[in-house]
Amino acid sequence: MPAQGQHATTPDAMVQELLSKTGISRDETFLENMITHHESAVAMAKLMVGKTERPELEQLAQDIIVSQSKEIEMMKGWLNEWYGR
């Protein structure tokens, strides 16, 4: 379990952390962990752009960057709007 104010970074740890929460704490933790998860996906996708010979992977990477960046901003907005963070 992460220290107070810190959140899990591996998928299994994120699930375990979420299982230990209830109510608003669970909601906040879900958003925080999903932001971390999406930021990792965007970072990995950026490493693929222009570095693969597979057009399908290039398109997937571009799609991940666009869609998950939008979702990150949406979730950050909710954290701010709902929880003042």
PDB file of N, CA and C in Angstrom:
ATOM      1  N   MET A   1       0.854  -1.182   0.000  1.00  0.00           N
ATOM      2  CA  MET A   1       0.000   0.000   0.000  1.00  0.00           C
ATOM      3  C   MET A   1       0.895   1.238   0.000  1.00  0.00           C
ATOM      4  N   PRO A   2       0.634   2.214  -0.851  1.00  0.00           N
ATOM      5  CA  PRO A   2       1.453   3.420  -0.902  1.00  0.00           C
ATOM      6  C   PRO A   2       1.321   4.251   0.374  1.00  0.00           C
ATOM      7  N   ALA A   3       2.314   5.079   0.608  1.00  0.00           N
ATOM      8  CA  ALA A   3       2.279   5.987   1.757  1.00  0.00           C
ATOM      9  C   ALA A   3       1.184   7.023   1.562  1.00  0.00           C
ATOM     10  N   GLN A   4       0.777   7.636   2.658  1.00  0.00           N
ATOM     11  CA  GLN A   4      -0.255   8.679   2.624  1.00  0.00           C
ATOM     12  C   GLN A   4       0.107   9.739   1.583  1.00  0.00           C
ATOM     13  N   GLY A   5      -0.863  10.066   0.709  1.00  0.00           N
ATOM     14  CA  GLY A   5      -0.635  11.096  -0.298  1.00  0.00           C
ATOM     15  C   GLY A   5       0.022  10.581  -1.572  1.00  0.00           C
ATOM     16  N   GLN A   6       0.477   9.327  -1.550  1.00  0.00           N
ATOM     17  CA  GLN A   6       1.064   8.727  -2.738  1.00  0.00           C
ATOM     18  C   GLN A   6       0.111   7.655  -3.248  1.00  0.00           C
ATOM     19  N   HIS A   7       0.232   7.352  -4.525  1.00  0.00           N
ATOM     20  CA  HIS A   7      -0.656   6.355  -5.100  1.00  0.00           C
ATOM     21  C   HIS A   7       0.153   5.286  -5.799  1.00  0.00           C
ATOM     22  N   ALA A   8      -0.473   4.134  -5.931  1.00  0.00           N
ATOM     23  CA  ALA A   8       0.139   2.990  -6.581  1.00  0.00           C
ATOM     24  C   ALA A   8       0.454   3.328  -8.036  1.00  0.00           C
ATOM     25  N   THR A   9       1.431   2.618  -8.599  1.00  0.00           N
ATOM     26  CA  THR A   9       1.788   2.874  -9.988  1.00  0.00           C
ATOM     27  C   THR A   9       1.680   1.640 -10.866  1.00  0.00           C
ATOM     28  N   THR A  10       1.658   0.436 -10.305  1.00  0.00           N
ATOM     29  CA  THR A  10       1.489  -0.758 -11.131  1.00  0.00           C
ATOM     30  C   THR A  10       0.002  -1.097 -11.204  1.00  0.00           C
ATOM     31  N   PRO A  11      -0.426  -1.729 -12.287  1.00  0.00           N
ATOM     32  CA  PRO A  11      -1.854  -2.064 -12.389  1.00  0.00           C
ATOM     33  C   PRO A  11      -2.372  -2.880 -11.212  1.00  0.00           C
ATOM     34  N   ASP A  12      -1.636  -3.894 -10.783  1.00  0.00           N
ATOM     35  CA  ASP A  12      -2.090  -4.713  -9.652  1.00  0.00           C
ATOM     36  C   ASP A  12      -2.178  -3.892  -8.376  1.00  0.00           C
ATOM     37  N   ALA A  13      -1.201  -3.038  -8.150  1.00  0.00           N
ATOM     38  CA  ALA A  13      -1.212  -2.201  -6.945  1.00  0.00           C
ATOM     39  C   ALA A  13      -2.359  -1.199  -7.000  1.00  0.00           C
ATOM     40  N   MET A  14      -2.659  -0.692  -8.190  1.00  0.00           N
ATOM     41  CA  MET A  14      -3.776   0.247  -8.338  1.00  0.00           C
ATOM     42  C   MET A  14      -5.095  -0.429  -7.971  1.00  0.00           C
ATOM     43  N   VAL A  15      -5.277  -1.662  -8.431  1.00  0.00           N
ATOM     44  CA  VAL A  15      -6.498  -2.404  -8.107  1.00  0.00           C
ATOM     45  C   VAL A  15      -6.573  -2.644  -6.608  1.00  0.00           C
ATOM     46  N   GLN A  16      -5.480  -3.075  -6.008  1.00  0.00           N
ATOM     47  CA  GLN A  16      -5.475  -3.339  -4.570  1.00  0.00           C
ATOM     48  C   GLN A  16      -5.759  -2.066  -3.774  1.00  0.00           C
ATOM     49  N   GLU A  17      -5.172  -0.955  -4.197  1.00  0.00           N
ATOM     50  CA  GLU A  17      -5.420   0.312  -3.517  1.00  0.00           C
ATOM     51  C   GLU A  17      -6.899   0.689  -3.609  1.00  0.00           C
ATOM     52  N   LEU A  18      -7.481   0.515  -4.778  1.00  0.00           N
ATOM     53  CA  LEU A  18      -8.884   0.857  -4.973  1.00  0.00           C
ATOM     54  C   LEU A  18      -9.793  -0.034  -4.121  1.00  0.00           C
ATOM     55  N   LEU A  19      -9.449  -1.294  -3.999  1.00  0.00           N
ATOM     56  CA  LEU A  19     -10.245  -2.220  -3.182  1.00  0.00           C
ATOM     57  C   LEU A  19     -10.273  -1.816  -1.712  1.00  0.00           C
ATOM     58  N   SER A  20      -9.237  -1.115  -1.278  1.00  0.00           N
ATOM     59  CA  SER A  20      -9.149  -0.737   0.139  1.00  0.00           C
ATOM     60  C   SER A  20      -9.906   0.550   0.455  1.00  0.00           C
ATOM     61  N   LYS A  21     -10.489   1.180  -0.553  1.00  0.00           N
ATOM     62  CA  LYS A  21     -11.157   2.479  -0.375  1.00  0.00           C
ATOM     63  C   LYS A  21     -12.670   2.329  -0.497  1.00  0.00           C
ATOM     64  N   THR A  22     -13.375   3.322   0.038  1.00  0.00           N
ATOM     65  CA  THR A  22     -14.827   3.391  -0.110  1.00  0.00           C
ATOM     66  C   THR A  22     -15.234   4.844  -0.342  1.00  0.00           C
ATOM     67  N   GLY A  23     -16.448   5.031  -0.842  1.00  0.00           N
ATOM     68  CA  GLY A  23     -17.026   6.363  -0.975  1.00  0.00           C
ATOM     69  C   GLY A  23     -16.192   7.332  -1.789  1.00  0.00           C
ATOM     70  N   ILE A  24     -16.135   8.570  -1.294  1.00  0.00           N
ATOM     71  CA  ILE A  24     -15.409   9.637  -1.988  1.00  0.00           C
ATOM     72  C   ILE A  24     -13.930   9.295  -2.137  1.00  0.00           C
ATOM     73  N   SER A  25     -13.369   8.661  -1.123  1.00  0.00           N
ATOM     74  CA  SER A  25     -11.959   8.273  -1.202  1.00  0.00           C
ATOM     75  C   SER A  25     -11.717   7.326  -2.370  1.00  0.00           C
ATOM     76  N   ARG A  26     -12.649   6.402  -2.602  1.00  0.00           N
ATOM     77  CA  ARG A  26     -12.530   5.485  -3.739  1.00  0.00           C
ATOM     78  C   ARG A  26     -12.626   6.263  -5.051  1.00  0.00           C
ATOM     79  N   ASP A  27     -13.577   7.200  -5.119  1.00  0.00           N
ATOM     80  CA  ASP A  27     -13.737   8.006  -6.343  1.00  0.00           C
ATOM     81  C   ASP A  27     -12.463   8.779  -6.663  1.00  0.00           C
ATOM     82  N   GLU A  28     -11.920   9.459  -5.666  1.00  0.00           N
ATOM     83  CA  GLU A  28     -10.691  10.241  -5.872  1.00  0.00           C
ATOM     84  C   GLU A  28      -9.532   9.346  -6.278  1.00  0.00           C
ATOM     85  N   THR A  29      -9.382   8.228  -5.593  1.00  0.00           N
ATOM     86  CA  THR A  29      -8.295   7.301  -5.892  1.00  0.00           C
ATOM     87  C   THR A  29      -8.429   6.747  -7.303  1.00  0.00           C
ATOM     88  N   PHE A  30      -9.659   6.424  -7.706  1.00  0.00           N
ATOM     89  CA  PHE A  30      -9.886   5.941  -9.066  1.00  0.00           C
ATOM     90  C   PHE A  30      -9.407   6.977 -10.086  1.00  0.00           C
ATOM     91  N   LEU A  31      -9.826   8.219  -9.909  1.00  0.00           N
ATOM     92  CA  LEU A  31      -9.419   9.272 -10.846  1.00  0.00           C
ATOM     93  C   LEU A  31      -7.909   9.459 -10.843  1.00  0.00           C
ATOM     94  N   GLU A  32      -7.303   9.523  -9.673  1.00  0.00           N
ATOM     95  CA  GLU A  32      -5.854   9.723  -9.588  1.00  0.00           C
ATOM     96  C   GLU A  32      -5.095   8.581 -10.264  1.00  0.00           C
ATOM     97  N   ASN A  33      -5.532   7.354 -10.000  1.00  0.00           N
ATOM     98  CA  ASN A  33      -4.844   6.213 -10.594  1.00  0.00           C
ATOM     99  C   ASN A  33      -5.083   6.118 -12.100  1.00  0.00           C
ATOM    100  N   MET A  34      -6.274   6.482 -12.556  1.00  0.00           N
ATOM    101  CA  MET A  34      -6.535   6.467 -13.992  1.00  0.00           C
ATOM    102  C   MET A  34      -5.725   7.549 -14.706  1.00  0.00           C
ATOM    103  N   ILE A  35      -5.538   8.684 -14.070  1.00  0.00           N
ATOM    104  CA  ILE A  35      -4.685   9.728 -14.654  1.00  0.00           C
ATOM    105  C   ILE A  35      -3.270   9.187 -14.815  1.00  0.00           C
ATOM    106  N   THR A  36      -2.739   8.568 -13.774  1.00  0.00           N
ATOM    107  CA  THR A  36      -1.393   7.983 -13.842  1.00  0.00           C
ATOM    108  C   THR A  36      -1.316   6.932 -14.949  1.00  0.00           C
ATOM    109  N   HIS A  37      -2.310   6.079 -15.016  1.00  0.00           N
ATOM    110  CA  HIS A  37      -2.368   5.020 -16.020  1.00  0.00           C
ATOM    111  C   HIS A  37      -2.382   5.622 -17.435  1.00  0.00           C
ATOM    112  N   HIS A  38      -3.222   6.617 -17.649  1.00  0.00           N
ATOM    113  CA  HIS A  38      -3.313   7.259 -18.962  1.00  0.00           C
ATOM    114  C   HIS A  38      -2.017   8.005 -19.307  1.00  0.00           C
ATOM    115  N   GLU A  39      -1.419   8.677 -18.337  1.00  0.00           N
ATOM    116  CA  GLU A  39      -0.157   9.383 -18.597  1.00  0.00           C
ATOM    117  C   GLU A  39       0.919   8.404 -19.045  1.00  0.00           C
ATOM    118  N   SER A  40       0.948   7.219 -18.453  1.00  0.00           N
ATOM    119  CA  SER A  40       1.918   6.198 -18.870  1.00  0.00           C
ATOM    120  C   SER A  40       1.639   5.737 -20.294  1.00  0.00           C
ATOM    121  N   ALA A  41       0.359   5.551 -20.620  1.00  0.00           N
ATOM    122  CA  ALA A  41      -0.005   5.130 -21.979  1.00  0.00           C
ATOM    123  C   ALA A  41       0.400   6.185 -23.006  1.00  0.00           C
ATOM    124  N   VAL A  42       0.168   7.445 -22.686  1.00  0.00           N
ATOM    125  CA  VAL A  42       0.547   8.534 -23.597  1.00  0.00           C
ATOM    126  C   VAL A  42       2.069   8.568 -23.770  1.00  0.00           C
ATOM    127  N   ALA A  43       2.800   8.410 -22.685  1.00  0.00           N
ATOM    128  CA  ALA A  43       4.265   8.420 -22.767  1.00  0.00           C
ATOM    129  C   ALA A  43       4.766   7.273 -23.647  1.00  0.00           C
ATOM    130  N   MET A  44       4.196   6.081 -23.478  1.00  0.00           N
ATOM    131  CA  MET A  44       4.607   4.945 -24.310  1.00  0.00           C
ATOM    132  C   MET A  44       4.236   5.175 -25.770  1.00  0.00           C
ATOM    133  N   ALA A  45       3.042   5.710 -26.006  1.00  0.00           N
ATOM    134  CA  ALA A  45       2.606   5.968 -27.379  1.00  0.00           C
ATOM    135  C   ALA A  45       3.524   6.974 -28.061  1.00  0.00           C
ATOM    136  N   LYS A  46       3.944   8.004 -27.329  1.00  0.00           N
ATOM    137  CA  LYS A  46       4.847   9.005 -27.915  1.00  0.00           C
ATOM    138  C   LYS A  46       6.171   8.375 -28.339  1.00  0.00           C
ATOM    139  N   LEU A  47       6.607   7.338 -27.630  1.00  0.00           N
ATOM    140  CA  LEU A  47       7.847   6.651 -28.006  1.00  0.00           C
ATOM    141  C   LEU A  47       7.699   5.855 -29.300  1.00  0.00           C
ATOM    142  N   MET A  48       6.478   5.518 -29.673  1.00  0.00           N
ATOM    143  CA  MET A  48       6.232   4.737 -30.886  1.00  0.00           C
ATOM    144  C   MET A  48       6.093   5.590 -32.138  1.00  0.00           C
ATOM    145  N   VAL A  49       5.650   6.827 -31.973  1.00  0.00           N
ATOM    146  CA  VAL A  49       5.389   7.683 -33.131  1.00  0.00           C
ATOM    147  C   VAL A  49       6.685   7.876 -33.933  1.00  0.00           C
ATOM    148  N   GLY A  50       6.601   7.527 -35.195  1.00  0.00           N
ATOM    149  CA  GLY A  50       7.748   7.678 -36.083  1.00  0.00           C
ATOM    150  C   GLY A  50       8.828   6.628 -35.904  1.00  0.00           C
ATOM    151  N   LYS A  51       8.576   5.634 -35.058  1.00  0.00           N
ATOM    152  CA  LYS A  51       9.612   4.635 -34.797  1.00  0.00           C
ATOM    153  C   LYS A  51       9.153   3.208 -35.079  1.00  0.00           C
ATOM    154  N   THR A  52       8.015   3.075 -35.727  1.00  0.00           N
ATOM    155  CA  THR A  52       7.530   1.751 -36.097  1.00  0.00           C
ATOM    156  C   THR A  52       7.304   1.699 -37.599  1.00  0.00           C
ATOM    157  N   GLU A  53       7.503   0.524 -38.149  1.00  0.00           N
ATOM    158  CA  GLU A  53       7.242   0.326 -39.577  1.00  0.00           C
ATOM    159  C   GLU A  53       5.804  -0.101 -39.816  1.00  0.00           C
ATOM    160  N   ARG A  54       5.075  -0.349 -38.762  1.00  0.00           N
ATOM    161  CA  ARG A  54       3.681  -0.791 -38.855  1.00  0.00           C
ATOM    162  C   ARG A  54       2.738   0.400 -38.828  1.00  0.00           C
ATOM    163  N   PRO A  55       2.035   0.676 -39.914  1.00  0.00           N
ATOM    164  CA  PRO A  55       1.107   1.804 -39.927  1.00  0.00           C
ATOM    165  C   PRO A  55      -0.005   1.646 -38.890  1.00  0.00           C
ATOM    166  N   GLU A  56      -0.371   0.397 -38.601  1.00  0.00           N
ATOM    167  CA  GLU A  56      -1.407   0.161 -37.589  1.00  0.00           C
ATOM    168  C   GLU A  56      -0.946   0.625 -36.207  1.00  0.00           C
ATOM    169  N   LEU A  57       0.313   0.354 -35.885  1.00  0.00           N
ATOM    170  CA  LEU A  57       0.856   0.784 -34.589  1.00  0.00           C
ATOM    171  C   LEU A  57       1.042   2.295 -34.543  1.00  0.00           C
ATOM    172  N   GLU A  58       1.441   2.866 -35.649  1.00  0.00           N
ATOM    173  CA  GLU A  58       1.571   4.331 -35.730  1.00  0.00           C
ATOM    174  C   GLU A  58       0.214   4.987 -35.465  1.00  0.00           C
ATOM    175  N   GLN A  59      -0.836   4.454 -36.120  1.00  0.00           N
ATOM    176  CA  GLN A  59      -2.178   5.012 -35.943  1.00  0.00           C
ATOM    177  C   GLN A  59      -2.670   4.792 -34.511  1.00  0.00           C
ATOM    178  N   LEU A  60      -2.436   3.612 -33.971  1.00  0.00           N
ATOM    179  CA  LEU A  60      -2.837   3.332 -32.594  1.00  0.00           C
ATOM    180  C   LEU A  60      -2.153   4.298 -31.628  1.00  0.00           C
ATOM    181  N   ALA A  61      -0.865   4.498 -31.810  1.00  0.00           N
ATOM    182  CA  ALA A  61      -0.128   5.420 -30.942  1.00  0.00           C
ATOM    183  C   ALA A  61      -0.708   6.828 -31.031  1.00  0.00           C
ATOM    184  N   GLN A  62      -0.971   7.283 -32.246  1.00  0.00           N
ATOM    185  CA  GLN A  62      -1.555   8.622 -32.426  1.00  0.00           C
ATOM    186  C   GLN A  62      -2.930   8.706 -31.761  1.00  0.00           C
ATOM    187  N   ASP A  63      -3.743   7.663 -31.929  1.00  0.00           N
ATOM    188  CA  ASP A  63      -5.077   7.642 -31.330  1.00  0.00           C
ATOM    189  C   ASP A  63      -5.003   7.672 -29.801  1.00  0.00           C
ATOM    190  N   ILE A  64      -4.072   6.916 -29.239  1.00  0.00           N
ATOM    191  CA  ILE A  64      -3.896   6.895 -27.782  1.00  0.00           C
ATOM    192  C   ILE A  64      -3.510   8.281 -27.276  1.00  0.00           C
ATOM    193  N   ILE A  65      -2.585   8.916 -27.957  1.00  0.00           N
ATOM    194  CA  ILE A  65      -2.137  10.251 -27.544  1.00  0.00           C
ATOM    195  C   ILE A  65      -3.313  11.221 -27.523  1.00  0.00           C
ATOM    196  N   VAL A  66      -4.103  11.226 -28.575  1.00  0.00           N
ATOM    197  CA  VAL A  66      -5.228  12.165 -28.671  1.00  0.00           C
ATOM    198  C   VAL A  66      -6.311  11.839 -27.646  1.00  0.00           C
ATOM    199  N   SER A  67      -6.780  10.591 -27.651  1.00  0.00           N
ATOM    200  CA  SER A  67      -7.933  10.248 -26.807  1.00  0.00           C
ATOM    201  C   SER A  67      -7.598  10.270 -25.320  1.00  0.00           C
ATOM    202  N   GLN A  68      -6.451   9.713 -24.956  1.00  0.00           N
ATOM    203  CA  GLN A  68      -6.147   9.640 -23.533  1.00  0.00           C
ATOM    204  C   GLN A  68      -5.683  10.981 -22.973  1.00  0.00           C
ATOM    205  N   SER A  69      -5.112  11.827 -23.812  1.00  0.00           N
ATOM    206  CA  SER A  69      -4.785  13.185 -23.356  1.00  0.00           C
ATOM    207  C   SER A  69      -6.061  13.947 -23.016  1.00  0.00           C
ATOM    208  N   LYS A  70      -7.091  13.790 -23.847  1.00  0.00           N
ATOM    209  CA  LYS A  70      -8.383  14.427 -23.568  1.00  0.00           C
ATOM    210  C   LYS A  70      -8.975  13.894 -22.263  1.00  0.00           C
ATOM    211  N   GLU A  71      -8.885  12.589 -22.062  1.00  0.00           N
ATOM    212  CA  GLU A  71      -9.429  11.986 -20.850  1.00  0.00           C
ATOM    213  C   GLU A  71      -8.660  12.432 -19.605  1.00  0.00           C
ATOM    214  N   ILE A  72      -7.349  12.592 -19.732  1.00  0.00           N
ATOM    215  CA  ILE A  72      -6.544  13.091 -18.609  1.00  0.00           C
ATOM    216  C   ILE A  72      -7.048  14.465 -18.195  1.00  0.00           C
ATOM    217  N   GLU A  73      -7.233  15.347 -19.161  1.00  0.00           N
ATOM    218  CA  GLU A  73      -7.707  16.694 -18.852  1.00  0.00           C
ATOM    219  C   GLU A  73      -9.103  16.668 -18.238  1.00  0.00           C
ATOM    220  N   MET A  74      -9.973  15.793 -18.743  1.00  0.00           N
ATOM    221  CA  MET A  74     -11.315  15.658 -18.193  1.00  0.00           C
ATOM    222  C   MET A  74     -11.253  15.208 -16.732  1.00  0.00           C
ATOM    223  N   MET A  75     -10.452  14.192 -16.453  1.00  0.00           N
ATOM    224  CA  MET A  75     -10.359  13.667 -15.081  1.00  0.00           C
ATOM    225  C   MET A  75      -9.717  14.680 -14.134  1.00  0.00           C
ATOM    226  N   LYS A  76      -8.699  15.393 -14.608  1.00  0.00           N
ATOM    227  CA  LYS A  76      -8.096  16.441 -13.783  1.00  0.00           C
ATOM    228  C   LYS A  76      -9.117  17.528 -13.482  1.00  0.00           C
ATOM    229  N   GLY A  77      -9.937  17.860 -14.469  1.00  0.00           N
ATOM    230  CA  GLY A  77     -10.996  18.847 -14.261  1.00  0.00           C
ATOM    231  C   GLY A  77     -11.991  18.390 -13.209  1.00  0.00           C
ATOM    232  N   TRP A  78     -12.369  17.129 -13.243  1.00  0.00           N
ATOM    233  CA  TRP A  78     -13.284  16.590 -12.245  1.00  0.00           C
ATOM    234  C   TRP A  78     -12.668  16.631 -10.851  1.00  0.00           C
ATOM    235  N   LEU A  79     -11.385  16.247 -10.745  1.00  0.00           N
ATOM    236  CA  LEU A  79     -10.729  16.324  -9.430  1.00  0.00           C
ATOM    237  C   LEU A  79     -10.776  17.746  -8.894  1.00  0.00           C
ATOM    238  N   ASN A  80     -10.546  18.701  -9.753  1.00  0.00           N
ATOM    239  CA  ASN A  80     -10.573  20.103  -9.342  1.00  0.00           C
ATOM    240  C   ASN A  80     -11.992  20.545  -8.991  1.00  0.00           C
ATOM    241  N   GLU A  81     -12.940  20.253  -9.866  1.00  0.00           N
ATOM    242  CA  GLU A  81     -14.321  20.687  -9.680  1.00  0.00           C
ATOM    243  C   GLU A  81     -14.974  20.024  -8.467  1.00  0.00           C
ATOM    244  N   TRP A  82     -14.783  18.734  -8.330  1.00  0.00           N
ATOM    245  CA  TRP A  82     -15.480  17.976  -7.288  1.00  0.00           C
ATOM    246  C   TRP A  82     -14.761  17.986  -5.942  1.00  0.00           C
ATOM    247  N   TYR A  83     -13.413  18.024  -5.971  1.00  0.00           N
ATOM    248  CA  TYR A  83     -12.645  17.850  -4.745  1.00  0.00           C
ATOM    249  C   TYR A  83     -11.645  18.979  -4.490  1.00  0.00           C
ATOM    250  N   GLY A  84     -11.683  20.023  -5.315  1.00  0.00           N
ATOM    251  CA  GLY A  84     -10.805  21.171  -5.110  1.00  0.00           C
ATOM    252  C   GLY A  84      -9.338  20.838  -5.248  1.00  0.00           C
ATOM    253  N   ARG A  85      -9.028  19.887  -6.156  1.00  0.00           N
ATOM    254  CA  ARG A  85      -7.636  19.473  -6.323  1.00  0.00           C
ATOM    255  C   ARG A  85      -7.196  19.587  -7.764  1.00  0.00           C
TER     256      ARG A  85
END
